[in-house]
Amino acid sequence: MQLQTIQKLSENVGIDTSYIRKMIKDKVLTPYKMDGYKRIYIDLDEFNSNIKPVFDIDSKIDLEKYLI
């Protein structure tokens, strides 16, 4: 389990912290706290499993057309 703070996660992923807080409020994500620290941590695996693309562009790209 890899944990990151809400601020660090929002910076890495490129979304606002309010969106992550809303996901916690709606019980989509589980918040974690470490002993003695006030910051809230999010499990990266749980976050990545809950985020899905709006448009599935992978199905439209035919890799056979390109030389790799």
N, C-alpha and C. Protein backbone atom coordinates (compact mmCIF):
# COMPACT_ATOMS: atom_id res chain seq x y z
N MET A 1 0.84 -1.17 0.00
CA MET A 1 0.00 0.00 0.00
C MET A 1 0.90 1.24 0.00
N GLN A 2 0.71 2.09 -0.99
CA GLN A 2 1.45 3.34 -1.08
C GLN A 2 0.52 4.48 -0.70
N LEU A 3 0.92 5.25 0.29
CA LEU A 3 0.10 6.35 0.76
C LEU A 3 0.72 7.68 0.35
N GLN A 4 -0.15 8.62 -0.03
CA GLN A 4 0.27 9.98 -0.34
C GLN A 4 -0.72 10.95 0.27
N THR A 5 -0.24 12.15 0.60
CA THR A 5 -1.15 13.16 1.12
C THR A 5 -2.06 13.64 0.00
N ILE A 6 -3.17 14.24 0.40
CA ILE A 6 -4.12 14.77 -0.58
C ILE A 6 -3.44 15.81 -1.47
N GLN A 7 -2.64 16.67 -0.86
CA GLN A 7 -1.98 17.73 -1.61
C GLN A 7 -1.00 17.17 -2.64
N LYS A 8 -0.20 16.20 -2.24
CA LYS A 8 0.79 15.59 -3.13
C LYS A 8 0.09 14.82 -4.26
N LEU A 9 -0.97 14.10 -3.92
CA LEU A 9 -1.71 13.34 -4.91
C LEU A 9 -2.35 14.26 -5.95
N SER A 10 -2.95 15.36 -5.50
CA SER A 10 -3.58 16.28 -6.44
C SER A 10 -2.55 16.93 -7.35
N GLU A 11 -1.36 17.20 -6.82
CA GLU A 11 -0.28 17.78 -7.62
C GLU A 11 0.20 16.78 -8.67
N ASN A 12 0.36 15.52 -8.28
CA ASN A 12 0.86 14.49 -9.21
C ASN A 12 -0.15 14.14 -10.29
N VAL A 13 -1.43 14.08 -9.91
CA VAL A 13 -2.46 13.66 -10.85
C VAL A 13 -2.98 14.84 -11.67
N GLY A 14 -2.93 16.04 -11.10
CA GLY A 14 -3.39 17.22 -11.83
C GLY A 14 -4.85 17.54 -11.61
N ILE A 15 -5.40 17.14 -10.47
CA ILE A 15 -6.78 17.50 -10.15
C ILE A 15 -6.78 18.31 -8.85
N ASP A 16 -7.86 19.01 -8.61
CA ASP A 16 -7.96 19.86 -7.44
C ASP A 16 -8.17 19.03 -6.17
N THR A 17 -7.68 19.53 -5.05
CA THR A 17 -7.82 18.81 -3.78
C THR A 17 -9.27 18.68 -3.37
N SER A 18 -10.13 19.62 -3.80
CA SER A 18 -11.54 19.55 -3.43
C SER A 18 -12.21 18.31 -4.04
N TYR A 19 -11.74 17.89 -5.22
CA TYR A 19 -12.30 16.69 -5.84
C TYR A 19 -11.94 15.44 -5.03
N ILE A 20 -10.73 15.38 -4.53
CA ILE A 20 -10.31 14.24 -3.71
C ILE A 20 -11.08 14.24 -2.40
N ARG A 21 -11.26 15.43 -1.81
CA ARG A 21 -12.03 15.53 -0.55
C ARG A 21 -13.48 15.10 -0.77
N LYS A 22 -14.05 15.42 -1.94
CA LYS A 22 -15.42 15.00 -2.26
C LYS A 22 -15.49 13.48 -2.39
N MET A 23 -14.46 12.87 -2.96
CA MET A 23 -14.43 11.42 -3.07
C MET A 23 -14.37 10.77 -1.69
N ILE A 24 -13.67 11.40 -0.75
CA ILE A 24 -13.62 10.89 0.62
C ILE A 24 -14.98 11.05 1.28
N LYS A 25 -15.60 12.21 1.09
CA LYS A 25 -16.91 12.49 1.68
C LYS A 25 -17.98 11.52 1.16
N ASP A 26 -17.90 11.19 -0.13
CA ASP A 26 -18.86 10.26 -0.75
C ASP A 26 -18.50 8.80 -0.51
N LYS A 27 -17.45 8.56 0.30
CA LYS A 27 -16.99 7.22 0.68
C LYS A 27 -16.49 6.40 -0.51
N VAL A 28 -15.96 7.08 -1.51
CA VAL A 28 -15.32 6.41 -2.65
C VAL A 28 -13.89 6.05 -2.27
N LEU A 29 -13.23 6.93 -1.50
CA LEU A 29 -11.88 6.71 -1.03
C LEU A 29 -11.85 6.60 0.48
N THR A 30 -10.92 5.81 1.00
CA THR A 30 -10.75 5.65 2.43
C THR A 30 -9.61 6.55 2.90
N PRO A 31 -9.87 7.47 3.84
CA PRO A 31 -8.79 8.32 4.35
C PRO A 31 -7.98 7.59 5.42
N TYR A 32 -6.69 7.83 5.45
CA TYR A 32 -5.80 7.23 6.45
C TYR A 32 -5.08 8.35 7.18
N LYS A 33 -4.79 8.13 8.46
CA LYS A 33 -3.99 9.06 9.25
C LYS A 33 -2.88 8.29 9.92
N MET A 34 -1.72 8.92 10.02
CA MET A 34 -0.60 8.32 10.74
C MET A 34 -0.60 8.88 12.16
N ASP A 35 -0.09 8.11 13.09
CA ASP A 35 -0.05 8.54 14.48
C ASP A 35 0.74 9.84 14.64
N GLY A 36 0.11 10.83 15.25
CA GLY A 36 0.78 12.08 15.52
C GLY A 36 0.76 13.09 14.39
N TYR A 37 0.26 12.71 13.21
CA TYR A 37 0.21 13.62 12.08
C TYR A 37 -1.23 14.00 11.78
N LYS A 38 -1.45 15.24 11.37
CA LYS A 38 -2.80 15.71 11.09
C LYS A 38 -3.19 15.53 9.63
N ARG A 39 -2.23 15.29 8.78
CA ARG A 39 -2.53 15.16 7.35
C ARG A 39 -3.27 13.86 7.05
N ILE A 40 -4.10 13.93 6.02
CA ILE A 40 -4.85 12.76 5.57
C ILE A 40 -4.11 12.15 4.38
N TYR A 41 -3.99 10.84 4.40
CA TYR A 41 -3.29 10.10 3.35
C TYR A 41 -4.28 9.26 2.57
N ILE A 42 -3.98 9.09 1.28
CA ILE A 42 -4.83 8.31 0.37
C ILE A 42 -3.99 7.18 -0.21
N ASP A 43 -4.60 5.99 -0.32
CA ASP A 43 -3.93 4.84 -0.93
C ASP A 43 -3.96 5.02 -2.45
N LEU A 44 -2.78 4.99 -3.07
CA LEU A 44 -2.68 5.21 -4.51
C LEU A 44 -3.38 4.12 -5.32
N ASP A 45 -3.27 2.88 -4.88
CA ASP A 45 -3.91 1.77 -5.61
C ASP A 45 -5.43 1.93 -5.59
N GLU A 46 -5.99 2.32 -4.46
CA GLU A 46 -7.43 2.53 -4.35
C GLU A 46 -7.86 3.70 -5.23
N PHE A 47 -7.07 4.77 -5.22
CA PHE A 47 -7.39 5.93 -6.06
C PHE A 47 -7.37 5.56 -7.53
N ASN A 48 -6.32 4.88 -7.97
CA ASN A 48 -6.20 4.51 -9.38
C ASN A 48 -7.28 3.53 -9.82
N SER A 49 -7.75 2.68 -8.93
CA SER A 49 -8.80 1.73 -9.31
C SER A 49 -10.16 2.41 -9.43
N ASN A 50 -10.33 3.57 -8.78
CA ASN A 50 -11.61 4.27 -8.84
C ASN A 50 -11.68 5.31 -9.94
N ILE A 51 -10.55 5.69 -10.50
CA ILE A 51 -10.53 6.69 -11.57
C ILE A 51 -10.58 5.97 -12.91
N LYS A 52 -11.55 6.38 -13.73
CA LYS A 52 -11.71 5.78 -15.05
C LYS A 52 -11.73 6.89 -16.09
N PRO A 53 -11.23 6.64 -17.29
CA PRO A 53 -11.23 7.68 -18.33
C PRO A 53 -12.64 7.98 -18.82
N VAL A 54 -12.85 9.23 -19.20
CA VAL A 54 -14.15 9.64 -19.73
C VAL A 54 -14.32 9.08 -21.14
N PHE A 55 -13.26 9.17 -21.93
CA PHE A 55 -13.29 8.67 -23.29
C PHE A 55 -12.27 7.55 -23.41
N ASP A 56 -12.68 6.44 -24.00
CA ASP A 56 -11.78 5.30 -24.18
C ASP A 56 -11.12 5.41 -25.55
N ILE A 57 -10.00 6.14 -25.61
CA ILE A 57 -9.33 6.35 -26.90
C ILE A 57 -8.45 5.17 -27.29
N ASP A 58 -8.14 4.30 -26.33
CA ASP A 58 -7.30 3.15 -26.65
C ASP A 58 -7.95 2.22 -27.65
N SER A 59 -9.27 2.11 -27.62
CA SER A 59 -9.95 1.21 -28.54
C SER A 59 -9.97 1.79 -29.96
N LYS A 60 -9.81 3.09 -30.11
CA LYS A 60 -9.84 3.73 -31.43
C LYS A 60 -8.49 3.70 -32.13
N ILE A 61 -7.41 3.49 -31.38
CA ILE A 61 -6.07 3.51 -31.96
C ILE A 61 -5.69 2.09 -32.38
N ASP A 62 -5.39 1.93 -33.65
CA ASP A 62 -4.95 0.64 -34.16
C ASP A 62 -3.43 0.66 -34.26
N LEU A 63 -2.76 -0.03 -33.35
CA LEU A 63 -1.31 -0.02 -33.31
C LEU A 63 -0.68 -0.76 -34.48
N GLU A 64 -1.45 -1.56 -35.19
CA GLU A 64 -0.92 -2.28 -36.34
C GLU A 64 -0.55 -1.34 -37.48
N LYS A 65 -1.09 -0.13 -37.48
CA LYS A 65 -0.82 0.85 -38.53
C LYS A 65 0.52 1.55 -38.32
N TYR A 66 1.09 1.40 -37.13
CA TYR A 66 2.31 2.14 -36.79
C TYR A 66 3.48 1.18 -36.61
N LEU A 67 4.64 1.61 -37.03
CA LEU A 67 5.85 0.83 -36.86
C LEU A 67 6.44 1.14 -35.49
N ILE A 68 6.54 0.13 -34.68
CA ILE A 68 7.05 0.33 -33.31
C ILE A 68 8.35 -0.43 -33.15
